[in-house]
Protein backbone atom coordinates (compact mmCIF):
# COMPACT_ATOMS: atom_id res chain seq x y z
CA UNK A 1 44.42 -182.43 -34.78
CA UNK A 2 46.73 -179.61 -34.85
CA UNK A 3 45.35 -176.69 -32.75
CA UNK A 4 44.25 -173.85 -35.32
CA UNK A 5 46.34 -170.74 -35.28
CA UNK A 6 45.00 -168.71 -37.76
CA UNK A 7 41.88 -168.42 -39.84
CA UNK A 8 41.65 -167.01 -43.14
CA UNK A 9 38.15 -166.13 -44.59
CA UNK A 10 36.74 -165.13 -48.21
CA UNK A 11 34.59 -161.76 -48.03
CA UNK A 12 31.65 -161.81 -50.76
CA UNK A 13 29.54 -164.98 -50.49
CA UNK A 14 31.24 -165.61 -47.32
CA UNK A 15 31.73 -162.83 -44.39
CA UNK A 16 29.54 -160.70 -46.03
CA UNK A 17 26.02 -161.31 -47.16
CA UNK A 18 24.04 -159.83 -50.07
CA UNK A 19 23.90 -156.70 -48.90
CA UNK A 20 27.44 -156.09 -48.30
CA UNK A 21 26.75 -155.11 -44.15
CA UNK A 22 29.09 -157.01 -41.57
CA UNK A 23 26.45 -159.06 -39.18
CA UNK A 24 27.06 -158.33 -35.59
CA UNK A 25 27.03 -162.45 -35.50
CA UNK A 26 30.27 -162.01 -37.93
CA UNK A 27 31.90 -159.32 -35.57
CA UNK A 28 31.38 -161.24 -32.19
CA UNK A 29 32.78 -164.39 -34.14
CA UNK A 30 35.77 -163.01 -35.00
CA UNK A 31 35.84 -160.92 -31.27
CA UNK A 32 35.81 -164.67 -29.75
CA UNK A 33 38.66 -165.76 -32.57
CA UNK A 34 40.43 -162.92 -30.87
CA UNK A 35 39.92 -163.81 -27.72
CA UNK A 36 41.02 -167.37 -28.02
CA UNK A 37 44.20 -166.24 -29.38
CA UNK A 38 43.81 -167.14 -32.93
CA UNK A 39 44.55 -165.07 -35.90
CA UNK A 40 42.03 -163.68 -38.01
CA UNK A 41 42.69 -162.01 -41.70
CA UNK A 42 40.92 -161.68 -45.16
CA UNK A 43 41.52 -162.75 -48.72
CA UNK A 44 39.30 -161.38 -51.42
CA UNK A 45 39.11 -160.74 -55.52
CA UNK A 46 37.95 -157.45 -54.12
CA UNK A 47 40.56 -154.44 -54.88
CA UNK A 48 42.58 -153.09 -52.02
CA UNK A 49 40.48 -149.91 -51.86
CA UNK A 50 37.32 -152.33 -51.35
CA UNK A 51 38.75 -154.04 -48.30
CA UNK A 52 39.42 -151.26 -46.04
CA UNK A 53 35.98 -150.85 -44.27
CA UNK A 54 36.41 -154.29 -42.80
CA UNK A 55 39.78 -153.69 -40.89
CA UNK A 56 38.56 -151.78 -37.84
CA UNK A 57 35.14 -153.34 -36.85
CA UNK A 58 37.30 -157.03 -37.40
CA UNK A 59 40.62 -155.71 -35.37
CA UNK A 60 42.00 -156.97 -38.13
CA UNK A 61 46.11 -156.45 -37.58
CA UNK A 62 47.59 -159.27 -39.71
CA UNK A 63 48.26 -158.26 -43.46
CA UNK A 64 45.30 -158.70 -46.16
CA UNK A 65 45.16 -160.14 -49.75
CA UNK A 66 43.52 -158.32 -52.22
CA UNK A 67 43.08 -159.04 -56.02
CA UNK A 68 42.91 -162.74 -55.26
CA UNK A 69 45.96 -162.73 -53.16
CA UNK A 70 48.14 -161.27 -56.13
CA UNK A 71 48.31 -158.12 -53.65
CA UNK A 72 49.19 -158.40 -50.00
CA UNK A 73 48.68 -155.11 -47.86
CA UNK A 74 49.05 -154.16 -44.36
CA UNK A 75 46.26 -153.08 -42.09
CA UNK A 76 46.82 -149.50 -43.22
CA UNK A 77 46.53 -150.94 -47.24
CA UNK A 78 50.02 -150.04 -47.85
CA UNK A 79 51.75 -152.71 -50.31
CA UNK A 80 53.66 -155.65 -48.73
CA UNK A 81 54.32 -157.36 -52.18
CA UNK A 82 52.35 -156.22 -55.27
CA UNK A 83 52.18 -157.78 -58.48
CA UNK A 84 50.74 -156.56 -61.93
CA UNK A 85 49.25 -157.82 -65.33
CA UNK A 86 51.92 -157.45 -67.80
CA UNK A 87 50.22 -154.95 -70.44
CA UNK A 88 50.45 -157.03 -73.43
CA UNK A 89 48.37 -159.81 -71.48
CA UNK A 90 46.01 -156.71 -69.99
CA UNK A 91 45.26 -155.86 -73.68
CA UNK A 92 44.71 -159.61 -74.76
CA UNK A 93 42.26 -159.71 -71.90
CA UNK A 94 40.40 -156.39 -72.96
CA UNK A 95 40.12 -158.11 -76.23
CA UNK A 96 38.35 -161.21 -75.02
CA UNK A 97 36.24 -158.97 -73.04
CA UNK A 98 35.43 -156.99 -75.88
CA UNK A 99 34.70 -160.19 -78.08
CA UNK A 100 32.20 -161.32 -75.51
CA UNK A 101 30.34 -157.85 -74.88
CA UNK A 102 30.81 -157.65 -71.29
CA UNK A 103 31.31 -154.93 -69.04
CA UNK A 104 35.20 -154.23 -68.39
CA UNK A 105 36.61 -152.60 -65.50
CA UNK A 106 40.44 -152.33 -64.72
CA UNK A 107 41.41 -152.04 -61.15
CA UNK A 108 45.07 -150.54 -60.18
CA UNK A 109 45.94 -150.34 -56.11
CA UNK A 110 44.06 -147.11 -55.80
CA UNK A 111 41.57 -146.69 -58.29
CA UNK A 112 38.52 -148.41 -60.11
CA UNK A 113 38.52 -147.32 -64.19
CA UNK A 114 35.58 -148.08 -66.07
CA UNK A 115 34.29 -146.71 -69.59
CA UNK A 116 30.62 -147.27 -68.81
CA UNK A 117 29.22 -145.70 -66.19
CA UNK A 118 25.58 -147.09 -66.06
CA UNK A 119 27.13 -150.45 -66.45
CA UNK A 120 24.60 -153.12 -64.86
CA UNK A 121 26.89 -154.05 -62.05
CA UNK A 122 27.91 -150.63 -61.24
CA UNK A 123 25.92 -150.09 -58.53
CA UNK A 124 26.64 -153.09 -56.84
CA UNK A 125 30.25 -152.83 -56.79
CA UNK A 126 29.94 -149.08 -55.38
CA UNK A 127 27.81 -150.33 -52.67
CA UNK A 128 30.00 -153.38 -52.50
CA UNK A 129 33.82 -151.71 -52.12
CA UNK A 130 32.34 -148.35 -50.94
CA UNK A 131 34.24 -146.59 -53.57
CA UNK A 132 33.37 -144.49 -56.99
CA UNK A 133 34.82 -145.57 -60.47
CA UNK A 134 37.03 -143.12 -62.24
CA UNK A 135 35.06 -142.72 -65.84
CA UNK A 136 37.61 -142.95 -68.57
CA UNK A 137 37.31 -142.97 -72.54
CA UNK A 138 39.99 -145.39 -72.96
CA UNK A 139 41.64 -148.21 -70.63
CA UNK A 140 44.94 -148.18 -72.67
CA UNK A 141 46.75 -145.68 -70.64
CA UNK A 142 46.08 -147.72 -67.52
CA UNK A 143 47.30 -151.17 -68.55
CA UNK A 144 50.59 -150.68 -66.98
CA UNK A 145 48.98 -150.40 -63.47
CA UNK A 146 46.61 -153.39 -63.85
CA UNK A 147 46.22 -155.12 -60.96
CA UNK A 148 42.97 -156.93 -61.86
CA UNK A 149 40.71 -156.85 -64.87
CA UNK A 150 36.89 -157.72 -64.52
CA UNK A 151 34.23 -158.92 -67.05
CA UNK A 152 31.03 -158.44 -65.54
CA UNK A 153 27.72 -159.91 -66.92
CA UNK A 154 24.15 -161.14 -65.41
CA UNK A 155 24.09 -163.75 -68.42
CA UNK A 156 26.40 -166.56 -66.16
CA UNK A 157 26.31 -169.20 -69.15
CA UNK A 158 27.86 -166.56 -71.50
CA UNK A 159 30.58 -165.35 -68.47
CA UNK A 160 31.42 -168.95 -68.14
CA UNK A 161 32.16 -169.14 -72.07
CA UNK A 162 33.95 -166.09 -71.46
CA UNK A 163 36.13 -167.56 -68.98
CA UNK A 164 37.03 -170.92 -71.10
CA UNK A 165 38.21 -168.15 -74.05
CA UNK A 166 40.21 -166.18 -71.42
CA UNK A 167 42.04 -169.07 -70.11
CA UNK A 168 43.03 -169.84 -73.69
CA UNK A 169 44.05 -166.35 -74.65
CA UNK A 170 46.29 -165.91 -71.70
CA UNK A 171 47.56 -169.47 -70.92
CA UNK A 172 49.85 -169.21 -67.94
CA UNK A 173 50.63 -165.23 -68.38
CA UNK A 174 47.45 -164.64 -66.05
CA UNK A 175 44.83 -166.15 -63.93
CA UNK A 176 41.41 -166.09 -65.14
CA UNK A 177 38.41 -167.23 -62.78
CA UNK A 178 35.01 -166.14 -61.99
CA UNK A 179 34.93 -165.20 -58.46
CA UNK A 180 31.19 -164.71 -58.66
CA UNK A 181 28.77 -165.74 -61.26
CA UNK A 182 28.56 -162.75 -62.62
CA UNK A 183 32.45 -161.49 -62.22
CA UNK A 184 35.19 -162.80 -64.24
CA UNK A 185 38.64 -161.94 -62.94
CA UNK A 186 41.71 -161.39 -64.61
CA UNK A 187 45.02 -161.24 -61.94
CA UNK A 188 48.38 -161.61 -62.19
CA UNK A 189 49.99 -165.32 -62.70
CA UNK A 190 51.04 -167.27 -60.05
CA UNK A 191 49.28 -165.56 -57.53
CA UNK A 192 45.88 -166.64 -55.52
CA UNK A 193 44.31 -167.27 -52.47
CA UNK A 194 46.27 -170.53 -52.25
CA UNK A 195 49.66 -168.62 -52.30
CA UNK A 196 48.41 -165.82 -49.56
CA UNK A 197 47.99 -168.22 -47.09
CA UNK A 198 51.12 -169.85 -47.97
CA UNK A 199 52.95 -166.42 -47.36
CA UNK A 200 51.21 -165.89 -44.00
CA UNK A 201 52.06 -169.55 -43.08
CA UNK A 202 55.50 -168.28 -43.67
CA UNK A 203 54.81 -164.86 -41.92
CA UNK A 204 53.59 -166.34 -38.78
CA UNK A 205 55.99 -169.39 -38.76
CA UNK A 206 52.69 -172.07 -38.44
CA UNK A 207 52.03 -175.13 -40.32
CA UNK A 208 49.22 -175.51 -43.17
CA UNK A 209 47.65 -177.48 -40.48
CA UNK A 210 47.15 -174.74 -38.21
CA UNK A 211 45.15 -173.02 -40.80
CA UNK A 212 41.20 -172.81 -41.48
CA UNK A 213 40.03 -171.34 -44.55
CA UNK A 214 36.55 -170.28 -45.26
CA UNK A 215 34.91 -169.45 -48.88
CA UNK A 216 32.09 -170.17 -51.34
CA UNK A 217 33.62 -169.89 -54.92
CA UNK A 218 35.75 -171.83 -57.24
CA UNK A 219 38.71 -169.22 -56.26
CA UNK A 220 38.80 -170.18 -52.90
CA UNK A 221 39.66 -174.00 -53.79
CA UNK A 222 43.69 -173.10 -53.70
CA UNK A 223 43.21 -171.77 -50.46
CA UNK A 224 41.44 -174.81 -49.20
CA UNK A 225 44.57 -176.95 -50.48
CA UNK A 226 46.83 -174.85 -48.43
CA UNK A 227 44.93 -175.46 -45.09
CA UNK A 228 44.55 -178.10 -42.67
CA UNK A 229 40.67 -177.44 -42.37
CA UNK A 230 38.56 -175.75 -45.07
CA UNK A 231 34.66 -174.75 -44.84
CA UNK A 232 32.25 -174.26 -47.75
CA UNK A 233 29.48 -171.94 -47.39
CA UNK A 234 26.01 -173.38 -47.54
CA UNK A 235 25.42 -170.92 -50.36
CA UNK A 236 28.66 -172.73 -52.27
CA UNK A 237 28.53 -175.07 -55.00
CA UNK A 238 28.57 -178.82 -54.91
CA UNK A 239 32.10 -178.89 -56.43
CA UNK A 240 33.47 -176.36 -53.93
CA UNK A 241 31.57 -178.49 -50.85
CA UNK A 242 33.17 -181.46 -51.85
CA UNK A 243 36.30 -180.10 -51.62
CA UNK A 244 35.96 -179.02 -48.00
CA UNK A 245 36.44 -180.08 -44.42
CA UNK A 246 33.08 -178.88 -43.50
CA UNK A 247 29.85 -177.45 -45.01
CA UNK A 248 28.58 -174.29 -42.78
CA UNK A 249 25.18 -172.56 -43.47
CA UNK A 250 24.74 -169.81 -46.19
CA UNK A 251 25.66 -166.12 -46.19
CA UNK A 252 22.58 -165.55 -45.45
CA UNK A 253 22.19 -167.61 -42.47
CA UNK A 254 24.97 -166.77 -40.43
CA UNK A 255 27.23 -169.04 -42.17
CA UNK A 256 30.68 -167.33 -41.36
CA UNK A 257 29.64 -167.02 -37.89
CA UNK A 258 28.53 -170.85 -37.65
CA UNK A 259 32.34 -171.70 -39.48
CA UNK A 260 33.92 -169.97 -36.63
CA UNK A 261 32.06 -171.91 -33.99
CA UNK A 262 33.30 -175.01 -35.84
CA UNK A 263 36.99 -173.94 -35.75
CA UNK A 264 36.68 -173.25 -32.10
CA UNK A 265 34.59 -176.10 -31.32
CA UNK A 266 37.65 -178.12 -33.00
CA UNK A 267 40.29 -176.60 -31.23
CA UNK A 268 38.38 -176.99 -27.70
CA UNK A 269 37.86 -180.36 -28.82
CA UNK A 270 41.71 -181.24 -29.85
């Protein structure tokens, strides 16, 4: 087996538990990777502004992927490669989300816009990304800077139907996938966590066999497909688990740290 040279991890539901606070176990696990000479970085549906707090405690120096990999930024959060949703497609996305009466958020590289400061998941997102939303009466003026549009709802079945309608509405002009059961993400086309992993492989001059990926949701499957080793979290769905090389414990039971143990053990065995 090819020795793992890089680990790429999802954030929410994987690296982070529900309280969105890095555990000592996770910090120690990444430190062990660094000590073993293995690179580490993160890719997430999160906006750029919601990933900065992870860089210092995990000593990340490699580029990171925001907005499901459609934006790649350096460790100072400066864009290396950034893609936007076309304004007409962004408007179409808003139309679908309005039709399903879900909360709508629009993210640029620097800001999080919403019309509803009292949205059900606004407090959750504020805690998660450690940033406050910019409240606007109309999202239309910001369609030209849309890195990601999100539909948020606690009605998982409704959001699943909304996802199907969104895919039909945007076709190949945007990617539409749920990053959580309560978030539907619309991001630029042709870019996902898999393309981020491929970009990292090219940047580091390594093969896909030398990469391990860790995740828990459907939007992590593209990066599973681009890596030699994939590890699904214990809290992942059965479908995601079935597509992974290994399954670890849940994000509430140090599943990330245990996934890193798998990587280190495989490297020692190899």
